[in-house]
C-alpha atoms as a PDB file:
ATOM      1  CA  MET A   1     194.345-262.380  96.351  1.00  0.00           C
ATOM      2  CA  LEU A   2     191.542-260.804  98.302  1.00  0.00           C
ATOM      3  CA  THR A   3     187.952-261.315  97.264  1.00  0.00           C
ATOM      4  CA  ARG A   4     185.426-258.524  97.102  1.00  0.00           C
ATOM      5  CA  LYS A   5     184.011-259.723 100.396  1.00  0.00           C
ATOM      6  CA  THR A   6     187.421-259.467 101.977  1.00  0.00           C
ATOM      7  CA  PHE A   7     187.654-255.677 102.291  1.00  0.00           C
ATOM      8  CA  PRO A   8     190.480-254.825 104.534  1.00  0.00           C
ATOM      9  CA  PHE A   9     189.896-252.514 107.356  1.00  0.00           C
ATOM     10  CA  LEU A  10     187.371-252.317 110.145  1.00  0.00           C
ATOM     11  CA  LEU A  11     185.786-248.970 110.603  1.00  0.00           C
ATOM     12  CA  ALA A  12     184.758-246.576 113.331  1.00  0.00           C
ATOM     13  CA  LEU A  13     184.301-248.116 116.710  1.00  0.00           C
ATOM     14  CA  LEU A  14     182.752-244.809 117.604  1.00  0.00           C
ATOM     15  CA  CYS A  15     181.181-242.327 115.235  1.00  0.00           C
ATOM     16  CA  PHE A  16     178.892-239.351 115.470  1.00  0.00           C
ATOM     17  CA  SER A  17     175.539-238.985 113.755  1.00  0.00           C
ATOM     18  CA  ALA A  18     173.314-236.224 112.444  1.00  0.00           C
ATOM     19  CA  PRO A  19     172.637-233.465 113.054  1.00  0.00           C
ATOM     20  CA  VAL A  20     176.290-232.685 112.395  1.00  0.00           C
ATOM     21  CA  VAL A  21     177.958-229.310 112.116  1.00  0.00           C
ATOM     22  CA  LEU A  22     181.710-229.231 111.593  1.00  0.00           C
ATOM     23  CA  ALA A  23     183.874-226.567 113.156  1.00  0.00           C
ATOM     24  CA  GLN A  24     187.556-225.914 113.368  1.00  0.00           C
ATOM     25  CA  ASP A  25     189.132-224.465 116.500  1.00  0.00           C
ATOM     26  CA  ASP A  26     192.126-222.193 116.581  1.00  0.00           C
ATOM     27  CA  ASP A  27     194.282-225.221 117.357  1.00  0.00           C
ATOM     28  CA  ASP A  28     193.201-226.807 114.052  1.00  0.00           C
ATOM     29  CA  VAL A  29     191.398-229.760 115.632  1.00  0.00           C
ATOM     30  CA  VAL A  30     188.304-230.782 113.683  1.00  0.00           C
ATOM     31  CA  ARG A  31     185.317-231.014 116.012  1.00  0.00           C
ATOM     32  CA  VAL A  32     181.751-232.243 115.485  1.00  0.00           C
ATOM     33  CA  ASN A  33     178.665-230.820 117.130  1.00  0.00           C
ATOM     34  CA  THR A  34     176.033-233.512 117.639  1.00  0.00           C
ATOM     35  CA  ASP A  35     173.596-234.935 120.184  1.00  0.00           C
ATOM     36  CA  LEU A  36     173.901-238.626 119.308  1.00  0.00           C
ATOM     37  CA  VAL A  37     176.788-241.027 119.959  1.00  0.00           C
ATOM     38  CA  VAL A  38     177.099-244.244 117.964  1.00  0.00           C
ATOM     39  CA  LEU A  39     179.312-247.052 119.260  1.00  0.00           C
ATOM     40  CA  ASN A  40     180.426-249.996 117.166  1.00  0.00           C
ATOM     41  CA  VAL A  41     181.417-252.821 119.488  1.00  0.00           C
ATOM     42  CA  THR A  42     183.307-256.094 118.974  1.00  0.00           C
ATOM     43  CA  VAL A  43     182.704-258.973 121.396  1.00  0.00           C
ATOM     44  CA  THR A  44     184.848-262.126 121.463  1.00  0.00           C
ATOM     45  CA  ASP A  45     185.029-265.237 123.622  1.00  0.00           C
ATOM     46  CA  LYS A  46     188.110-266.822 125.232  1.00  0.00           C
ATOM     47  CA  ALA A  47     188.987-268.517 121.950  1.00  0.00           C
ATOM     48  CA  GLY A  48     188.893-265.195 120.102  1.00  0.00           C
ATOM     49  CA  GLN A  49     185.705-266.087 118.226  1.00  0.00           C
ATOM     50  CA  TYR A  50     183.064-263.433 117.589  1.00  0.00           C
ATOM     51  CA  VAL A  51     179.948-263.638 119.752  1.00  0.00           C
ATOM     52  CA  LYS A  52     176.886-262.954 117.604  1.00  0.00           C
ATOM     53  CA  ALA A  53     173.818-263.842 119.661  1.00  0.00           C
ATOM     54  CA  LEU A  54     173.778-261.074 122.282  1.00  0.00           C
ATOM     55  CA  LYS A  55     170.727-258.906 122.938  1.00  0.00           C
ATOM     56  CA  ALA A  56     170.495-255.231 123.815  1.00  0.00           C
ATOM     57  CA  SER A  57     169.829-256.177 127.436  1.00  0.00           C
ATOM     58  CA  ASP A  58     173.234-257.921 127.599  1.00  0.00           C
ATOM     59  CA  PHE A  59     175.065-254.608 127.168  1.00  0.00           C
ATOM     60  CA  LYS A  60     175.743-251.731 129.544  1.00  0.00           C
ATOM     61  CA  VAL A  61     177.221-248.453 128.314  1.00  0.00           C
ATOM     62  CA  TYR A  62     179.158-246.150 130.659  1.00  0.00           C
ATOM     63  CA  GLU A  63     180.108-242.549 129.999  1.00  0.00           C
ATOM     64  CA  ASP A  64     182.520-241.016 132.505  1.00  0.00           C
ATOM     65  CA  GLY A  65     181.812-244.002 134.753  1.00  0.00           C
ATOM     66  CA  VAL A  66     178.046-243.413 134.830  1.00  0.00           C
ATOM     67  CA  GLU A  67     175.744-245.990 133.256  1.00  0.00           C
ATOM     68  CA  VAL A  68     173.656-244.711 130.360  1.00  0.00           C
ATOM     69  CA  PRO A  69     169.958-245.456 131.158  1.00  0.00           C
ATOM     70  CA  GLY A  70     168.186-247.802 128.814  1.00  0.00           C
ATOM     71  CA  LYS A  71     165.765-245.058 127.805  1.00  0.00           C
ATOM     72  CA  MET A  72     168.695-243.027 126.424  1.00  0.00           C
ATOM     73  CA  ILE A  73     169.734-245.853 124.065  1.00  0.00           C
ATOM     74  CA  THR A  74     168.034-245.181 120.756  1.00  0.00           C
ATOM     75  CA  SER A  75     169.095-248.185 118.656  1.00  0.00           C
ATOM     76  CA  PHE A  76     170.843-251.559 118.777  1.00  0.00           C
ATOM     77  CA  SER A  77     171.837-253.850 115.916  1.00  0.00           C
ATOM     78  CA  LEU A  78     174.312-256.391 114.591  1.00  0.00           C
ATOM     79  CA  GLN A  79     174.921-255.535 110.954  1.00  0.00           C
ATOM     80  CA  GLU A  80     177.246-254.356 108.245  1.00  0.00           C
ATOM     81  CA  SER A  81     176.943-250.959 106.623  1.00  0.00           C
ATOM     82  CA  PRO A  82     178.774-249.059 103.888  1.00  0.00           C
ATOM     83  CA  TYR A  83     182.009-247.354 104.830  1.00  0.00           C
ATOM     84  CA  ALA A  84     184.252-244.570 103.620  1.00  0.00           C
ATOM     85  CA  ALA A  85     188.006-244.803 104.039  1.00  0.00           C
ATOM     86  CA  VAL A  86     191.053-242.668 103.392  1.00  0.00           C
ATOM     87  CA  VAL A  87     194.274-244.512 102.605  1.00  0.00           C
ATOM     88  CA  LEU A  88     197.403-242.571 103.612  1.00  0.00           C
ATOM     89  CA  LEU A  89     200.564-243.628 101.788  1.00  0.00           C
ATOM     90  CA  ASP A  90     203.839-242.552 103.396  1.00  0.00           C
ATOM     91  CA  SER A  91     206.020-241.348 100.494  1.00  0.00           C
ATOM     92  CA  SER A  92     208.803-239.834 102.622  1.00  0.00           C
ATOM     93  CA  GLY A  93     212.458-240.558 101.891  1.00  0.00           C
ATOM     94  CA  SER A  94     212.732-243.399 104.418  1.00  0.00           C
ATOM     95  CA  MET A  95     210.062-245.326 102.492  1.00  0.00           C
ATOM     96  CA  GLU A  96     212.087-245.579  99.304  1.00  0.00           C
ATOM     97  CA  ALA A  97     212.738-249.321  99.669  1.00  0.00           C
ATOM     98  CA  ARG A  98     209.174-250.048 100.838  1.00  0.00           C
ATOM     99  CA  PHE A  99     206.954-247.789  98.781  1.00  0.00           C
ATOM    100  CA  SER A 100     206.190-250.362  96.092  1.00  0.00           C
ATOM    101  CA  LEU A 101     204.891-252.736  98.755  1.00  0.00           C
ATOM    102  CA  ALA A 102     202.833-249.963 100.343  1.00  0.00           C
ATOM    103  CA  ARG A 103     201.314-249.169  96.953  1.00  0.00           C
ATOM    104  CA  SER A 104     200.509-252.854  96.430  1.00  0.00           C
ATOM    105  CA  ALA A 105     198.828-252.968  99.844  1.00  0.00           C
ATOM    106  CA  ALA A 106     196.699-249.967  98.901  1.00  0.00           C
ATOM    107  CA  ILE A 107     195.654-251.770  95.713  1.00  0.00           C
ATOM    108  CA  ARG A 108     194.630-254.826  97.763  1.00  0.00           C
ATOM    109  CA  PHE A 109     192.568-252.551  99.967  1.00  0.00           C
ATOM    110  CA  LEU A 110     190.780-251.036  96.964  1.00  0.00           C
ATOM    111  CA  ASP A 111     190.269-254.477  95.447  1.00  0.00           C
ATOM    112  CA  GLY A 112     188.316-255.461  98.537  1.00  0.00           C
ATOM    113  CA  LEU A 113     185.773-252.650  98.294  1.00  0.00           C
ATOM    114  CA  ARG A 114     182.163-253.714  98.089  1.00  0.00           C
ATOM    115  CA  PRO A 115     179.947-251.870  95.561  1.00  0.00           C
ATOM    116  CA  GLU A 116     178.594-249.602  98.307  1.00  0.00           C
ATOM    117  CA  ASP A 117     182.000-248.753  99.846  1.00  0.00           C
ATOM    118  CA  VAL A 118     184.260-245.884  98.812  1.00  0.00           C
ATOM    119  CA  ALA A 119     187.890-244.908  99.420  1.00  0.00           C
ATOM    120  CA  ALA A 120     190.151-241.962  98.724  1.00  0.00           C
ATOM    121  CA  VAL A 121     193.954-242.079  98.577  1.00  0.00           C
ATOM    122  CA  TYR A 122     196.462-239.497  99.814  1.00  0.00           C
ATOM    123  CA  ARG A 123     200.249-239.423  99.899  1.00  0.00           C
ATOM    124  CA  PHE A 124     202.302-237.627 102.506  1.00  0.00           C
ATOM    125  CA  ASP A 125     205.950-236.649 102.720  1.00  0.00           C
ATOM    126  CA  SER A 126     206.923-233.015 103.367  1.00  0.00           C
ATOM    127  CA  LYS A 127     203.362-232.189 102.322  1.00  0.00           C
ATOM    128  CA  VAL A 128     200.003-233.940 102.072  1.00  0.00           C
ATOM    129  CA  GLU A 129     198.626-234.469  98.585  1.00  0.00           C
ATOM    130  CA  ARG A 130     195.460-236.146  97.285  1.00  0.00           C
ATOM    131  CA  VAL A 131     196.137-238.956  94.814  1.00  0.00           C
ATOM    132  CA  GLN A 132     192.508-239.803  94.064  1.00  0.00           C
ATOM    133  CA  GLU A 133     189.018-238.796  95.176  1.00  0.00           C
ATOM    134  CA  PHE A 134     186.485-241.042  96.880  1.00  0.00           C
ATOM    135  CA  SER A 135     185.338-243.776  94.533  1.00  0.00           C
ATOM    136  CA  GLY A 136     184.599-247.461  94.405  1.00  0.00           C
ATOM    137  CA  GLY A 137     187.415-248.008  91.942  1.00  0.00           C
ATOM    138  CA  ARG A 138     189.553-251.123  92.208  1.00  0.00           C
ATOM    139  CA  ASP A 139     192.900-249.619  91.226  1.00  0.00           C
ATOM    140  CA  LEU A 140     195.041-246.636  92.045  1.00  0.00           C
ATOM    141  CA  ALA A 141     194.999-243.579  89.825  1.00  0.00           C
ATOM    142  CA  PRO A 142     197.789-243.570  87.205  1.00  0.00           C
ATOM    143  CA  THR A 143     199.548-240.734  89.026  1.00  0.00           C
ATOM    144  CA  ALA A 144     200.160-243.071  91.988  1.00  0.00           C
ATOM    145  CA  TYR A 145     202.605-245.092  89.910  1.00  0.00           C
ATOM    146  CA  ALA A 146     204.788-242.047  89.310  1.00  0.00           C
ATOM    147  CA  ILE A 147     205.245-241.252  93.013  1.00  0.00           C
ATOM    148  CA  ARG A 148     208.831-241.325  94.249  1.00  0.00           C
ATOM    149  CA  ALA A 149     209.683-241.470  97.957  1.00  0.00           C
ATOM    150  CA  LYS A 150     211.328-238.277  99.164  1.00  0.00           C
ATOM    151  CA  GLY A 151     211.276-235.607 101.851  1.00  0.00           C
ATOM    152  CA  MET A 152     210.143-235.569 105.484  1.00  0.00           C
ATOM    153  CA  THR A 153     207.134-237.209 107.194  1.00  0.00           C
ATOM    154  CA  THR A 154     203.932-235.247 107.891  1.00  0.00           C
ATOM    155  CA  LEU A 155     201.915-238.110 109.364  1.00  0.00           C
ATOM    156  CA  ASN A 156     199.929-236.036 111.874  1.00  0.00           C
ATOM    157  CA  ASP A 157     198.991-233.467 109.240  1.00  0.00           C
ATOM    158  CA  ALA A 158     197.911-236.290 106.914  1.00  0.00           C
ATOM    159  CA  ILE A 159     195.569-237.730 109.543  1.00  0.00           C
ATOM    160  CA  VAL A 160     194.037-234.295 110.182  1.00  0.00           C
ATOM    161  CA  GLU A 161     193.530-233.855 106.423  1.00  0.00           C
ATOM    162  CA  ALA A 162     191.952-237.318 106.167  1.00  0.00           C
ATOM    163  CA  ALA A 163     189.556-236.443 108.979  1.00  0.00           C
ATOM    164  CA  LYS A 164     188.537-233.253 107.215  1.00  0.00           C
ATOM    165  CA  THR A 165     187.742-235.069 103.982  1.00  0.00           C
ATOM    166  CA  LEU A 166     185.825-237.813 105.837  1.00  0.00           C
ATOM    167  CA  ALA A 167     183.739-235.218 107.656  1.00  0.00           C
ATOM    168  CA  ASP A 168     181.623-234.583 104.569  1.00  0.00           C
ATOM    169  CA  ARG A 169     180.933-238.254 103.894  1.00  0.00           C
ATOM    170  CA  PRO A 170     177.411-239.604 104.694  1.00  0.00           C
ATOM    171  CA  GLU A 171     178.655-243.076 105.716  1.00  0.00           C
ATOM    172  CA  HIS A 172     178.459-243.870 109.444  1.00  0.00           C
ATOM    173  CA  ARG A 173     181.500-246.157 109.321  1.00  0.00           C
ATOM    174  CA  LYS A 174     184.763-244.400 108.549  1.00  0.00           C
ATOM    175  CA  ALA A 175     188.430-245.353 108.665  1.00  0.00           C
ATOM    176  CA  ILE A 176     191.861-243.898 108.100  1.00  0.00           C
ATOM    177  CA  VAL A 177     194.365-246.476 106.857  1.00  0.00           C
ATOM    178  CA  VAL A 178     198.011-245.515 107.408  1.00  0.00           C
ATOM    179  CA  LEU A 179     200.827-247.280 105.610  1.00  0.00           C
ATOM    180  CA  SER A 180     204.018-245.879 107.138  1.00  0.00           C
ATOM    181  CA  ASP A 181     207.432-246.814 108.516  1.00  0.00           C
ATOM    182  CA  GLY A 182     207.907-244.304 111.270  1.00  0.00           C
ATOM    183  CA  MET A 183     207.214-241.273 113.358  1.00  0.00           C
ATOM    184  CA  ASP A 184     206.211-237.825 112.258  1.00  0.00           C
ATOM    185  CA  THR A 185     209.131-235.475 111.518  1.00  0.00           C
ATOM    186  CA  PHE A 186     207.595-232.405 109.878  1.00  0.00           C
ATOM    187  CA  SER A 187     203.928-231.861 110.827  1.00  0.00           C
ATOM    188  CA  LYS A 188     202.400-228.688 112.183  1.00  0.00           C
ATOM    189  CA  ALA A 189     199.772-230.738 114.020  1.00  0.00           C
ATOM    190  CA  SER A 190     200.579-232.779 117.133  1.00  0.00           C
ATOM    191  CA  SER A 191     199.712-236.464 117.500  1.00  0.00           C
ATOM    192  CA  GLU A 192     196.994-235.453 119.992  1.00  0.00           C
ATOM    193  CA  LYS A 193     195.388-233.184 117.403  1.00  0.00           C
ATOM    194  CA  ALA A 194     195.548-235.988 114.867  1.00  0.00           C
ATOM    195  CA  VAL A 195     193.762-238.404 117.208  1.00  0.00           C
ATOM    196  CA  GLU A 196     191.080-235.896 118.182  1.00  0.00           C
ATOM    197  CA  SER A 197     190.428-235.014 114.537  1.00  0.00           C
ATOM    198  CA  ALA A 198     189.858-238.698 113.754  1.00  0.00           C
ATOM    199  CA  LEU A 199     187.626-239.157 116.794  1.00  0.00           C
ATOM    200  CA  ALA A 200     185.576-236.075 115.893  1.00  0.00           C
ATOM    201  CA  VAL A 201     184.419-237.620 112.622  1.00  0.00           C
ATOM    202  CA  GLY A 202     184.088-241.163 113.974  1.00  0.00           C
ATOM    203  CA  ALA A 203     187.088-242.562 112.110  1.00  0.00           C
ATOM    204  CA  SER A 204     189.233-245.393 113.437  1.00  0.00           C
ATOM    205  CA  ILE A 205     192.907-245.428 112.466  1.00  0.00           C
ATOM    206  CA  PHE A 206     194.406-248.649 111.151  1.00  0.00           C
ATOM    207  CA  ALA A 207     198.192-248.413 111.155  1.00  0.00           C
ATOM    208  CA  VAL A 208     200.369-250.774 109.119  1.00  0.00           C
ATOM    209  CA  ASP A 209     204.017-250.599 110.267  1.00  0.00           C
ATOM    210  CA  MET A 210     206.016-250.961 107.072  1.00  0.00           C
ATOM    211  CA  ALA A 211     209.354-250.844 108.960  1.00  0.00           C
ATOM    212  CA  SER A 212     208.652-254.236 110.540  1.00  0.00           C
ATOM    213  CA  LEU A 213     209.673-255.799 107.236  1.00  0.00           C
ATOM    214  CA  GLU A 214     213.300-255.553 108.363  1.00  0.00           C
ATOM    215  CA  ILE A 215     214.762-257.772 111.051  1.00  0.00           C
ATOM    216  CA  ALA A 216     215.625-254.593 112.955  1.00  0.00           C
ATOM    217  CA  GLY A 217     212.090-253.289 112.555  1.00  0.00           C
ATOM    218  CA  SER A 218     211.055-254.097 116.122  1.00  0.00           C
ATOM    219  CA  ALA A 219     207.467-253.434 117.097  1.00  0.00           C
ATOM    220  CA  ASN A 220     208.901-251.857 120.278  1.00  0.00           C
ATOM    221  CA  ARG A 221     210.421-248.938 118.361  1.00  0.00           C
ATOM    222  CA  GLN A 222     209.246-245.478 119.365  1.00  0.00           C
ATOM    223  CA  SER A 223     207.815-244.981 115.891  1.00  0.00           C
ATOM    224  CA  ALA A 224     205.870-248.236 116.133  1.00  0.00           C
ATOM    225  CA  GLY A 225     204.614-247.095 119.535  1.00  0.00           C
ATOM    226  CA  GLN A 226     203.130-243.985 117.969  1.00  0.00           C
ATOM    227  CA  LEU A 227     201.371-245.993 115.295  1.00  0.00           C
ATOM    228  CA  LYS A 228     200.025-248.328 117.972  1.00  0.00           C
ATOM    229  CA  ALA A 229     198.763-245.361 119.980  1.00  0.00           C
ATOM    230  CA  PHE A 230     196.835-244.017 116.980  1.00  0.00           C
ATOM    231  CA  ALA A 231     195.119-247.371 116.544  1.00  0.00           C
ATOM    232  CA  GLU A 232     194.398-247.957 120.228  1.00  0.00           C
ATOM    233  CA  LYS A 233     192.998-244.498 120.973  1.00  0.00           C
ATOM    234  CA  THR A 234     190.675-244.500 117.975  1.00  0.00           C
ATOM    235  CA  GLY A 235     189.543-248.123 118.186  1.00  0.00           C
ATOM    236  CA  GLY A 236     191.417-249.320 115.132  1.00  0.00           C
ATOM    237  CA  ARG A 237     194.117-251.940 114.785  1.00  0.00           C
ATOM    238  CA  PHE A 238     197.923-251.973 114.562  1.00  0.00           C
ATOM    239  CA  VAL A 239     199.516-254.375 112.078  1.00  0.00           C
ATOM    240  CA  SER A 240     203.222-255.021 112.672  1.00  0.00           C
ATOM    241  CA  THR A 241     203.845-257.721 110.054  1.00  0.00           C
ATOM    242  CA  PRO A 242     202.738-256.302 106.698  1.00  0.00           C
ATOM    243  CA  GLY A 243     204.634-258.657 104.391  1.00  0.00           C
ATOM    244  CA  GLY A 244     203.201-261.481 102.277  1.00  0.00           C
ATOM    245  CA  PRO A 245     200.598-263.833 103.769  1.00  0.00           C
ATOM    246  CA  ALA A 246     200.638-261.983 107.114  1.00  0.00           C
ATOM    247  CA  LEU A 247     199.314-258.854 105.402  1.00  0.00           C
ATOM    248  CA  ARG A 248     196.608-260.784 103.586  1.00  0.00           C
ATOM    249  CA  ASP A 249     195.574-262.540 106.814  1.00  0.00           C
ATOM    250  CA  ALA A 250     195.370-259.210 108.613  1.00  0.00           C
ATOM    251  CA  PHE A 251     193.117-257.819 105.875  1.00  0.00           C
ATOM    252  CA  ALA A 252     190.821-260.848 106.056  1.00  0.00           C
ATOM    253  CA  GLY A 253     190.673-260.818 109.852  1.00  0.00           C
ATOM    254  CA  ILE A 254     189.771-257.166 110.088  1.00  0.00           C
ATOM    255  CA  ALA A 255     187.167-257.526 107.372  1.00  0.00           C
ATOM    256  CA  ASP A 256     185.626-260.410 109.276  1.00  0.00           C
ATOM    257  CA  GLU A 257     185.514-258.285 112.401  1.00  0.00           C
ATOM    258  CA  LEU A 258     183.624-255.547 110.614  1.00  0.00           C
ATOM    259  CA  GLY A 259     180.901-258.023 109.736  1.00  0.00           C
ATOM    260  CA  ASN A 260     180.487-259.056 113.365  1.00  0.00           C
ATOM    261  CA  GLN A 261     180.064-255.776 115.208  1.00  0.00           C
ATOM    262  CA  TYR A 262     177.211-254.545 117.363  1.00  0.00           C
ATOM    263  CA  THR A 263     176.079-250.948 116.878  1.00  0.00           C
ATOM    264  CA  ILE A 264     174.668-249.069 119.855  1.00  0.00           C
ATOM    265  CA  SER A 265     173.365-245.497 119.601  1.00  0.00           C
ATOM    266  CA  TYR A 266     172.635-243.352 122.625  1.00  0.00           C
ATOM    267  CA  ARG A 267     171.988-239.789 123.748  1.00  0.00           C
ATOM    268  CA  PRO A 268     174.442-238.612 126.426  1.00  0.00           C
ATOM    269  CA  ILE A 269     173.195-237.669 129.884  1.00  0.00           C
ATOM    270  CA  ASN A 270     175.793-234.932 130.114  1.00  0.00           C
ATOM    271  CA  LYS A 271     174.659-232.411 127.516  1.00  0.00           C
ATOM    272  CA  LYS A 272     177.247-229.751 128.347  1.00  0.00           C
ATOM    273  CA  ARG A 273     178.954-228.445 125.238  1.00  0.00           C
ATOM    274  CA  ASP A 274     182.204-227.839 127.065  1.00  0.00           C
ATOM    275  CA  GLY A 275     184.700-229.484 124.705  1.00  0.00           C
ATOM    276  CA  LYS A 276     185.832-231.895 127.439  1.00  0.00           C
ATOM    277  CA  TRP A 277     186.866-235.517 127.032  1.00  0.00           C
ATOM    278  CA  ARG A 278     184.203-238.144 127.817  1.00  0.00           C
ATOM    279  CA  THR A 279     185.444-241.633 128.681  1.00  0.00           C
ATOM    280  CA  LEU A 280     183.521-244.595 127.307  1.00  0.00           C
ATOM    281  CA  GLU A 281     183.217-248.204 128.373  1.00  0.00           C
ATOM    282  CA  VAL A 282     180.919-250.991 127.252  1.00  0.00           C
ATOM    283  CA  LYS A 283     180.375-254.108 129.352  1.00  0.00           C
ATOM    284  CA  VAL A 284     178.425-257.333 128.883  1.00  0.00           C
ATOM    285  CA  GLN A 285     176.930-259.542 131.579  1.00  0.00           C
ATOM    286  CA  GLN A 286     179.050-262.565 130.661  1.00  0.00           C
ATOM    287  CA  GLN A 287     182.396-261.868 132.357  1.00  0.00           C
ATOM    288  CA  GLU A 288     184.275-264.387 130.227  1.00  0.00           C
ATOM    289  CA  LEU A 289     183.674-262.294 127.093  1.00  0.00           C
ATOM    290  CA  THR A 290     185.983-259.555 125.846  1.00  0.00           C
ATOM    291  CA  VAL A 291     184.467-256.261 124.679  1.00  0.00           C
ATOM    292  CA  ARG A 292     186.391-253.834 122.472  1.00  0.00           C
ATOM    293  CA  THR A 293     185.408-250.288 121.623  1.00  0.00           C
ATOM    294  CA  ARG A 294     187.191-246.979 121.643  1.00  0.00           C
ATOM    295  CA  LYS A 295     188.010-245.188 124.840  1.00  0.00           C
ATOM    296  CA  GLY A 296     186.029-241.986 124.499  1.00  0.00           C
ATOM    297  CA  TYR A 297     185.199-238.864 122.525  1.00  0.00           C
ATOM    298  CA  ARG A 298     185.533-235.115 122.746  1.00  0.00           C
ATOM    299  CA  ALA A 299     182.267-233.364 123.597  1.00  0.00           C
ATOM    300  CA  PRO A 300     181.047-230.597 121.287  1.00  0.00           C
ATOM    301  CA  LYS A 301     182.133-227.084 122.191  1.00  0.00           C
ATOM    302  CA  SER A 302     179.836-224.107 121.850  1.00  0.00           C
END
């Protein structure tokens, strides 16, 4: 059983801060117009332990391969902050044998919320449907217990919808938690649009591969590869062993990571509002340390 301190999923390794104006392009990708980039960074040593004693001068931030000058960095800290999350429950037909476990995992997630954290829950099959609004509640809404797995899989559309609902949240840390067993089969949105929508609102995707419960549920499946890609591109985490103690350990490990992140805010040198991709990299002086953050963001587009 998770404790209240053991909330399950690490949020936003990159998010955007105010002033924020949301827009939606013709291709249905949610974009954010802003002049400040906020990076949440995890640093570990060779043993995989979190490194907590670094100073601002130990870090270098690179955008498109160019180092961000120190004068452009507006803040640096090592701290926790409230988060908002959207839990996406795959209720498509292929989840029939696994949906009860997915629902139990969602309950564990909600049970780990701190008083200042909030989460909303959506289901997705042939359509995306909200199960409950953002709240600090510790249980699923009663309607969640009546859900029956059926239909196709609109995973990409569900991620886009989650990004839209997170866009209005004031929290700087945001996450999309996906509990699914496979690839998208019915979405209008592409996987690229799903990723960019998450990035635009600073949300990391944490994908739990429910199909890995079976012996044949190899993490090398194409569907698992897509879930991995969502996590990697947005700075989240892919969990391939969701059953029993492995699931609980994953929740605890990710929660621990959230409490040991550095937050770096900076103003980009390149102020062009051209809608182009900006690559990101963070380095530390100690070469033996491992630094993890997301790979980039989409610039605002006028």
